[in-house]
Amino acid sequence: MNTAVINIKVEPNVKKKAQNVAGRLGLSLSALINGYLRQLIKTETVVFSTKEEPTAYMIKALKEAEEDIKAGRVTSFKSGKEAI
């Protein structure tokens, strides 16, 4: 089987954690990335998921958005053309 090499830059702690997860799943990091790339090709979609809680910044932004909606400071459009 022919293979190609992809060089990517990633934070060392991210690489280490990803290797640990892949290992617990019984996979190498290369196998995991190959599987991800095949799924990308098949579905033409990118999906990110996290089990982490939202950041304080995100919570603040969501609260501000809710306040804007309640105060009527939000404009809605029926279509993209209408927004333009």
PDB file of N, CA and C in Angstrom:
ATOM      1  N   MET A   1       0.835  -1.172   0.000  1.00  0.00           N
ATOM      2  CA  MET A   1       0.000   0.000   0.000  1.00  0.00           C
ATOM      3  C   MET A   1       0.887   1.244   0.000  1.00  0.00           C
ATOM      4  N   ASN A   2       0.599   2.174  -0.894  1.00  0.00           N
ATOM      5  CA  ASN A   2       1.318   3.446  -0.929  1.00  0.00           C
ATOM      6  C   ASN A   2       0.740   4.372   0.119  1.00  0.00           C
ATOM      7  N   THR A   3       1.586   5.159   0.720  1.00  0.00           N
ATOM      8  CA  THR A   3       1.123   6.138   1.695  1.00  0.00           C
ATOM      9  C   THR A   3       1.769   7.476   1.411  1.00  0.00           C
ATOM     10  N   ALA A   4       1.134   8.522   1.907  1.00  0.00           N
ATOM     11  CA  ALA A   4       1.682   9.874   1.808  1.00  0.00           C
ATOM     12  C   ALA A   4       1.858  10.398   3.227  1.00  0.00           C
ATOM     13  N   VAL A   5       2.764  11.308   3.381  1.00  0.00           N
ATOM     14  CA  VAL A   5       3.026  11.892   4.693  1.00  0.00           C
ATOM     15  C   VAL A   5       2.398  13.278   4.744  1.00  0.00           C
ATOM     16  N   ILE A   6       1.689  13.540   5.828  1.00  0.00           N
ATOM     17  CA  ILE A   6       1.135  14.870   6.082  1.00  0.00           C
ATOM     18  C   ILE A   6       1.817  15.407   7.327  1.00  0.00           C
ATOM     19  N   ASN A   7       2.423  16.559   7.221  1.00  0.00           N
ATOM     20  CA  ASN A   7       3.029  17.209   8.378  1.00  0.00           C
ATOM     21  C   ASN A   7       2.090  18.293   8.868  1.00  0.00           C
ATOM     22  N   ILE A   8       1.686  18.208  10.118  1.00  0.00           N
ATOM     23  CA  ILE A   8       0.817  19.230  10.692  1.00  0.00           C
ATOM     24  C   ILE A   8       1.444  19.738  11.979  1.00  0.00           C
ATOM     25  N   LYS A   9       1.116  20.964  12.320  1.00  0.00           N
ATOM     26  CA  LYS A   9       1.583  21.534  13.582  1.00  0.00           C
ATOM     27  C   LYS A   9       0.429  21.468  14.567  1.00  0.00           C
ATOM     28  N   VAL A  10       0.731  20.937  15.732  1.00  0.00           N
ATOM     29  CA  VAL A  10      -0.277  20.811  16.776  1.00  0.00           C
ATOM     30  C   VAL A  10       0.416  21.028  18.118  1.00  0.00           C
ATOM     31  N   GLU A  11      -0.311  21.550  19.072  1.00  0.00           N
ATOM     32  CA  GLU A  11       0.256  21.752  20.396  1.00  0.00           C
ATOM     33  C   GLU A  11       0.674  20.396  20.970  1.00  0.00           C
ATOM     34  N   PRO A  12       1.842  20.329  21.605  1.00  0.00           N
ATOM     35  CA  PRO A  12       2.327  19.055  22.132  1.00  0.00           C
ATOM     36  C   PRO A  12       1.342  18.365  23.068  1.00  0.00           C
ATOM     37  N   ASN A  13       0.663  19.134  23.922  1.00  0.00           N
ATOM     38  CA  ASN A  13      -0.282  18.505  24.849  1.00  0.00           C
ATOM     39  C   ASN A  13      -1.499  17.942  24.116  1.00  0.00           C
ATOM     40  N   VAL A  14      -1.902  18.581  23.024  1.00  0.00           N
ATOM     41  CA  VAL A  14      -3.020  18.069  22.225  1.00  0.00           C
ATOM     42  C   VAL A  14      -2.622  16.750  21.582  1.00  0.00           C
ATOM     43  N   LYS A  15      -1.405  16.686  21.039  1.00  0.00           N
ATOM     44  CA  LYS A  15      -0.919  15.450  20.421  1.00  0.00           C
ATOM     45  C   LYS A  15      -0.885  14.321  21.446  1.00  0.00           C
ATOM     46  N   LYS A  16      -0.341  14.601  22.614  1.00  0.00           N
ATOM     47  CA  LYS A  16      -0.214  13.581  23.655  1.00  0.00           C
ATOM     48  C   LYS A  16      -1.584  13.065  24.092  1.00  0.00           C
ATOM     49  N   LYS A  17      -2.527  13.990  24.299  1.00  0.00           N
ATOM     50  CA  LYS A  17      -3.874  13.585  24.716  1.00  0.00           C
ATOM     51  C   LYS A  17      -4.567  12.775  23.618  1.00  0.00           C
ATOM     52  N   ALA A  18      -4.388  13.200  22.361  1.00  0.00           N
ATOM     53  CA  ALA A  18      -4.991  12.476  21.234  1.00  0.00           C
ATOM     54  C   ALA A  18      -4.391  11.073  21.115  1.00  0.00           C
ATOM     55  N   GLN A  19      -3.082  10.955  21.310  1.00  0.00           N
ATOM     56  CA  GLN A  19      -2.442   9.640  21.269  1.00  0.00           C
ATOM     57  C   GLN A  19      -2.990   8.740  22.380  1.00  0.00           C
ATOM     58  N   ASN A  20      -3.212   9.310  23.556  1.00  0.00           N
ATOM     59  CA  ASN A  20      -3.761   8.535  24.667  1.00  0.00           C
ATOM     60  C   ASN A  20      -5.177   8.047  24.363  1.00  0.00           C
ATOM     61  N   VAL A  21      -6.014   8.930  23.825  1.00  0.00           N
ATOM     62  CA  VAL A  21      -7.383   8.543  23.479  1.00  0.00           C
ATOM     63  C   VAL A  21      -7.361   7.474  22.406  1.00  0.00           C
ATOM     64  N   ALA A  22      -6.581   7.690  21.359  1.00  0.00           N
ATOM     65  CA  ALA A  22      -6.483   6.704  20.273  1.00  0.00           C
ATOM     66  C   ALA A  22      -6.026   5.361  20.824  1.00  0.00           C
ATOM     67  N   GLY A  23      -5.037   5.381  21.713  1.00  0.00           N
ATOM     68  CA  GLY A  23      -4.537   4.143  22.307  1.00  0.00           C
ATOM     69  C   GLY A  23      -5.609   3.416  23.101  1.00  0.00           C
ATOM     70  N   ARG A  24      -6.400   4.164  23.865  1.00  0.00           N
ATOM     71  CA  ARG A  24      -7.491   3.547  24.637  1.00  0.00           C
ATOM     72  C   ARG A  24      -8.534   2.929  23.718  1.00  0.00           C
ATOM     73  N   LEU A  25      -8.658   3.488  22.513  1.00  0.00           N
ATOM     74  CA  LEU A  25      -9.601   2.947  21.527  1.00  0.00           C
ATOM     75  C   LEU A  25      -8.983   1.814  20.712  1.00  0.00           C
ATOM     76  N   GLY A  26      -7.711   1.526  20.979  1.00  0.00           N
ATOM     77  CA  GLY A  26      -7.021   0.454  20.262  1.00  0.00           C
ATOM     78  C   GLY A  26      -6.529   0.873  18.888  1.00  0.00           C
ATOM     79  N   LEU A  27      -6.322   2.165  18.708  1.00  0.00           N
ATOM     80  CA  LEU A  27      -5.892   2.697  17.412  1.00  0.00           C
ATOM     81  C   LEU A  27      -4.607   3.499  17.572  1.00  0.00           C
ATOM     82  N   SER A  28      -3.882   3.619  16.480  1.00  0.00           N
ATOM     83  CA  SER A  28      -2.772   4.562  16.454  1.00  0.00           C
ATOM     84  C   SER A  28      -3.347   5.923  16.074  1.00  0.00           C
ATOM     85  N   LEU A  29      -2.592   6.967  16.340  1.00  0.00           N
ATOM     86  CA  LEU A  29      -3.039   8.303  15.949  1.00  0.00           C
ATOM     87  C   LEU A  29      -3.162   8.392  14.429  1.00  0.00           C
ATOM     88  N   SER A  30      -2.255   7.740  13.701  1.00  0.00           N
ATOM     89  CA  SER A  30      -2.329   7.726  12.233  1.00  0.00           C
ATOM     90  C   SER A  30      -3.618   7.059  11.754  1.00  0.00           C
ATOM     91  N   ALA A  31      -3.983   5.939  12.370  1.00  0.00           N
ATOM     92  CA  ALA A  31      -5.216   5.251  11.977  1.00  0.00           C
ATOM     93  C   ALA A  31      -6.432   6.114  12.266  1.00  0.00           C
ATOM     94  N   LEU A  32      -6.406   6.797  13.403  1.00  0.00           N
ATOM     95  CA  LEU A  32      -7.515   7.672  13.768  1.00  0.00           C
ATOM     96  C   LEU A  32      -7.658   8.819  12.764  1.00  0.00           C
ATOM     97  N   ILE A  33      -6.550   9.441  12.396  1.00  0.00           N
ATOM     98  CA  ILE A  33      -6.582  10.550  11.442  1.00  0.00           C
ATOM     99  C   ILE A  33      -6.997  10.049  10.058  1.00  0.00           C
ATOM    100  N   ASN A  34      -6.508   8.886   9.642  1.00  0.00           N
ATOM    101  CA  ASN A  34      -6.917   8.313   8.364  1.00  0.00           C
ATOM    102  C   ASN A  34      -8.425   8.085   8.334  1.00  0.00           C
ATOM    103  N   GLY A  35      -8.953   7.541   9.431  1.00  0.00           N
ATOM    104  CA  GLY A  35     -10.401   7.319   9.511  1.00  0.00           C
ATOM    105  C   GLY A  35     -11.168   8.618   9.429  1.00  0.00           C
ATOM    106  N   TYR A  36     -10.668   9.643  10.118  1.00  0.00           N
ATOM    107  CA  TYR A  36     -11.319  10.946  10.075  1.00  0.00           C
ATOM    108  C   TYR A  36     -11.310  11.509   8.657  1.00  0.00           C
ATOM    109  N   LEU A  37     -10.174  11.413   7.970  1.00  0.00           N
ATOM    110  CA  LEU A  37     -10.082  11.935   6.607  1.00  0.00           C
ATOM    111  C   LEU A  37     -11.012  11.181   5.652  1.00  0.00           C
ATOM    112  N   ARG A  38     -11.116   9.863   5.828  1.00  0.00           N
ATOM    113  CA  ARG A  38     -12.045   9.083   4.989  1.00  0.00           C
ATOM    114  C   ARG A  38     -13.491   9.512   5.231  1.00  0.00           C
ATOM    115  N   GLN A  39     -13.832   9.761   6.497  1.00  0.00           N
ATOM    116  CA  GLN A  39     -15.185  10.227   6.830  1.00  0.00           C
ATOM    117  C   GLN A  39     -15.442  11.602   6.232  1.00  0.00           C
ATOM    118  N   LEU A  40     -14.441  12.476   6.272  1.00  0.00           N
ATOM    119  CA  LEU A  40     -14.547  13.807   5.676  1.00  0.00           C
ATOM    120  C   LEU A  40     -14.850  13.702   4.184  1.00  0.00           C
ATOM    121  N   ILE A  41     -14.123  12.823   3.505  1.00  0.00           N
ATOM    122  CA  ILE A  41     -14.325  12.628   2.065  1.00  0.00           C
ATOM    123  C   ILE A  41     -15.721  12.083   1.789  1.00  0.00           C
ATOM    124  N   LYS A  42     -16.130  11.112   2.580  1.00  0.00           N
ATOM    125  CA  LYS A  42     -17.430  10.454   2.373  1.00  0.00           C
ATOM    126  C   LYS A  42     -18.605  11.399   2.618  1.00  0.00           C
ATOM    127  N   THR A  43     -18.554  12.159   3.713  1.00  0.00           N
ATOM    128  CA  THR A  43     -19.709  12.978   4.104  1.00  0.00           C
ATOM    129  C   THR A  43     -19.598  14.441   3.697  1.00  0.00           C
ATOM    130  N   GLU A  44     -18.392  14.871   3.376  1.00  0.00           N
ATOM    131  CA  GLU A  44     -18.127  16.283   3.077  1.00  0.00           C
ATOM    132  C   GLU A  44     -18.628  17.193   4.189  1.00  0.00           C
ATOM    133  N   THR A  45     -18.475  16.736   5.415  1.00  0.00           N
ATOM    134  CA  THR A  45     -18.858  17.532   6.578  1.00  0.00           C
ATOM    135  C   THR A  45     -17.744  17.477   7.612  1.00  0.00           C
ATOM    136  N   VAL A  46     -17.694  18.515   8.427  1.00  0.00           N
ATOM    137  CA  VAL A  46     -16.737  18.583   9.526  1.00  0.00           C
ATOM    138  C   VAL A  46     -17.549  18.689  10.806  1.00  0.00           C
ATOM    139  N   VAL A  47     -17.288  17.785  11.731  1.00  0.00           N
ATOM    140  CA  VAL A  47     -18.024  17.770  12.987  1.00  0.00           C
ATOM    141  C   VAL A  47     -17.033  17.841  14.138  1.00  0.00           C
ATOM    142  N   PHE A  48     -17.253  18.795  15.030  1.00  0.00           N
ATOM    143  CA  PHE A  48     -16.452  18.896  16.239  1.00  0.00           C
ATOM    144  C   PHE A  48     -17.383  18.728  17.420  1.00  0.00           C
ATOM    145  N   SER A  49     -16.927  18.020  18.388  1.00  0.00           N
ATOM    146  CA  SER A  49     -17.723  17.799  19.586  1.00  0.00           C
ATOM    147  C   SER A  49     -16.816  17.963  20.786  1.00  0.00           C
ATOM    148  N   THR A  50     -17.378  18.440  21.862  1.00  0.00           N
ATOM    149  CA  THR A  50     -16.597  18.581  23.079  1.00  0.00           C
ATOM    150  C   THR A  50     -17.454  18.250  24.279  1.00  0.00           C
ATOM    151  N   LYS A  51     -16.842  17.676  25.263  1.00  0.00           N
ATOM    152  CA  LYS A  51     -17.542  17.383  26.508  1.00  0.00           C
ATOM    153  C   LYS A  51     -17.293  18.484  27.525  1.00  0.00           C
ATOM    154  N   GLU A  52     -16.502  19.463  27.145  1.00  0.00           N
ATOM    155  CA  GLU A  52     -16.129  20.532  28.062  1.00  0.00           C
ATOM    156  C   GLU A  52     -17.281  21.507  28.254  1.00  0.00           C
ATOM    157  N   GLU A  53     -17.279  22.163  29.395  1.00  0.00           N
ATOM    158  CA  GLU A  53     -18.255  23.198  29.691  1.00  0.00           C
ATOM    159  C   GLU A  53     -17.921  24.451  28.887  1.00  0.00           C
ATOM    160  N   PRO A  54     -18.927  25.273  28.580  1.00  0.00           N
ATOM    161  CA  PRO A  54     -18.632  26.519  27.872  1.00  0.00           C
ATOM    162  C   PRO A  54     -17.747  27.427  28.723  1.00  0.00           C
ATOM    163  N   THR A  55     -16.948  28.233  28.053  1.00  0.00           N
ATOM    164  CA  THR A  55     -16.064  29.156  28.762  1.00  0.00           C
ATOM    165  C   THR A  55     -16.870  30.292  29.381  1.00  0.00           C
ATOM    166  N   ALA A  56     -16.258  31.004  30.306  1.00  0.00           N
ATOM    167  CA  ALA A  56     -16.909  32.156  30.937  1.00  0.00           C
ATOM    168  C   ALA A  56     -17.259  33.195  29.873  1.00  0.00           C
ATOM    169  N   TYR A  57     -16.386  33.352  28.887  1.00  0.00           N
ATOM    170  CA  TYR A  57     -16.640  34.300  27.802  1.00  0.00           C
ATOM    171  C   TYR A  57     -17.894  33.909  27.014  1.00  0.00           C
ATOM    172  N   MET A  58     -18.040  32.608  26.719  1.00  0.00           N
ATOM    173  CA  MET A  58     -19.199  32.138  25.964  1.00  0.00           C
ATOM    174  C   MET A  58     -20.479  32.321  26.770  1.00  0.00           C
ATOM    175  N   ILE A  59     -20.438  32.022  28.047  1.00  0.00           N
ATOM    176  CA  ILE A  59     -21.620  32.193  28.899  1.00  0.00           C
ATOM    177  C   ILE A  59     -22.026  33.657  28.939  1.00  0.00           C
ATOM    178  N   LYS A  60     -21.046  34.558  29.080  1.00  0.00           N
ATOM    179  CA  LYS A  60     -21.336  35.998  29.100  1.00  0.00           C
ATOM    180  C   LYS A  60     -21.954  36.441  27.773  1.00  0.00           C
ATOM    181  N   ALA A  61     -21.404  35.973  26.654  1.00  0.00           N
ATOM    182  CA  ALA A  61     -21.926  36.345  25.333  1.00  0.00           C
ATOM    183  C   ALA A  61     -23.356  35.847  25.153  1.00  0.00           C
ATOM    184  N   LEU A  62     -23.644  34.636  25.610  1.00  0.00           N
ATOM    185  CA  LEU A  62     -25.002  34.094  25.503  1.00  0.00           C
ATOM    186  C   LEU A  62     -25.984  34.893  26.356  1.00  0.00           C
ATOM    187  N   LYS A  63     -25.573  35.271  27.559  1.00  0.00           N
ATOM    188  CA  LYS A  63     -26.441  36.077  28.425  1.00  0.00           C
ATOM    189  C   LYS A  63     -26.710  37.442  27.803  1.00  0.00           C
ATOM    190  N   GLU A  64     -25.674  38.045  27.224  1.00  0.00           N
ATOM    191  CA  GLU A  64     -25.853  39.337  26.555  1.00  0.00           C
ATOM    192  C   GLU A  64     -26.811  39.213  25.378  1.00  0.00           C
ATOM    193  N   ALA A  65     -26.696  38.124  24.622  1.00  0.00           N
ATOM    194  CA  ALA A  65     -27.597  37.899  23.486  1.00  0.00           C
ATOM    195  C   ALA A  65     -29.032  37.739  23.964  1.00  0.00           C
ATOM    196  N   GLU A  66     -29.234  36.999  25.048  1.00  0.00           N
ATOM    197  CA  GLU A  66     -30.586  36.832  25.603  1.00  0.00           C
ATOM    198  C   GLU A  66     -31.166  38.174  26.044  1.00  0.00           C
ATOM    199  N   GLU A  67     -30.337  39.008  26.685  1.00  0.00           N
ATOM    200  CA  GLU A  67     -30.781  40.330  27.116  1.00  0.00           C
ATOM    201  C   GLU A  67     -31.157  41.194  25.914  1.00  0.00           C
ATOM    202  N   ASP A  68     -30.360  41.136  24.852  1.00  0.00           N
ATOM    203  CA  ASP A  68     -30.658  41.903  23.638  1.00  0.00           C
ATOM    204  C   ASP A  68     -31.989  41.457  23.032  1.00  0.00           C
ATOM    205  N   ILE A  69     -32.239  40.168  23.028  1.00  0.00           N
ATOM    206  CA  ILE A  69     -33.493  39.648  22.471  1.00  0.00           C
ATOM    207  C   ILE A  69     -34.680  40.138  23.305  1.00  0.00           C
ATOM    208  N   LYS A  70     -34.561  40.016  24.630  1.00  0.00           N
ATOM    209  CA  LYS A  70     -35.648  40.449  25.526  1.00  0.00           C
ATOM    210  C   LYS A  70     -35.912  41.941  25.411  1.00  0.00           C
ATOM    211  N   ALA A  71     -34.854  42.733  25.194  1.00  0.00           N
ATOM    212  CA  ALA A  71     -34.988  44.187  25.107  1.00  0.00           C
ATOM    213  C   ALA A  71     -35.381  44.658  23.714  1.00  0.00           C
ATOM    214  N   GLY A  72     -35.513  43.728  22.774  1.00  0.00           N
ATOM    215  CA  GLY A  72     -35.905  44.104  21.421  1.00  0.00           C
ATOM    216  C   GLY A  72     -34.796  44.739  20.612  1.00  0.00           C
ATOM    217  N   ARG A  73     -33.557  44.504  20.979  1.00  0.00           N
ATOM    218  CA  ARG A  73     -32.422  45.087  20.252  1.00  0.00           C
ATOM    219  C   ARG A  73     -31.910  44.164  19.155  1.00  0.00           C
ATOM    220  N   VAL A  74     -32.755  43.264  18.696  1.00  0.00           N
ATOM    221  CA  VAL A  74     -32.364  42.299  17.674  1.00  0.00           C
ATOM    222  C   VAL A  74     -33.256  42.493  16.456  1.00  0.00           C
ATOM    223  N   THR A  75     -32.659  42.496  15.290  1.00  0.00           N
ATOM    224  CA  THR A  75     -33.408  42.608  14.052  1.00  0.00           C
ATOM    225  C   THR A  75     -33.412  41.253  13.360  1.00  0.00           C
ATOM    226  N   SER A  76     -34.588  40.790  12.967  1.00  0.00           N
ATOM    227  CA  SER A  76     -34.689  39.516  12.262  1.00  0.00           C
ATOM    228  C   SER A  76     -35.007  39.771  10.799  1.00  0.00           C
ATOM    229  N   PHE A  77     -34.536  38.892   9.958  1.00  0.00           N
ATOM    230  CA  PHE A  77     -34.782  38.973   8.526  1.00  0.00           C
ATOM    231  C   PHE A  77     -35.384  37.675   8.044  1.00  0.00           C
ATOM    232  N   LYS A  78     -36.245  37.761   7.035  1.00  0.00           N
ATOM    233  CA  LYS A  78     -36.882  36.564   6.485  1.00  0.00           C
ATOM    234  C   LYS A  78     -35.990  35.862   5.473  1.00  0.00           C
ATOM    235  N   SER A  79     -34.998  36.584   4.947  1.00  0.00           N
ATOM    236  CA  SER A  79     -34.118  35.986   3.940  1.00  0.00           C
ATOM    237  C   SER A  79     -32.781  36.700   3.949  1.00  0.00           C
ATOM    238  N   GLY A  80     -31.807  36.098   3.308  1.00  0.00           N
ATOM    239  CA  GLY A  80     -30.503  36.722   3.166  1.00  0.00           C
ATOM    240  C   GLY A  80     -30.582  38.009   2.367  1.00  0.00           C
ATOM    241  N   LYS A  81     -31.424  38.006   1.322  1.00  0.00           N
ATOM    242  CA  LYS A  81     -31.576  39.211   0.493  1.00  0.00           C
ATOM    243  C   LYS A  81     -32.127  40.369   1.327  1.00  0.00           C
ATOM    244  N   GLU A  82     -33.084  40.064   2.182  1.00  0.00           N
ATOM    245  CA  GLU A  82     -33.672  41.111   3.020  1.00  0.00           C
ATOM    246  C   GLU A  82     -32.624  41.695   3.965  1.00  0.00           C
ATOM    247  N   ALA A  83     -31.727  40.860   4.456  1.00  0.00           N
ATOM    248  CA  ALA A  83     -30.690  41.325   5.362  1.00  0.00           C
ATOM    249  C   ALA A  83     -29.734  42.280   4.664  1.00  0.00           C
ATOM    250  N   ILE A  84     -29.482  42.020   3.383  1.00  0.00           N
ATOM    251  CA  ILE A  84     -28.561  42.863   2.608  1.00  0.00           C
ATOM    252  C   ILE A  84     -29.249  44.162   2.257  1.00  0.00           C
TER     253      ILE A  84
END
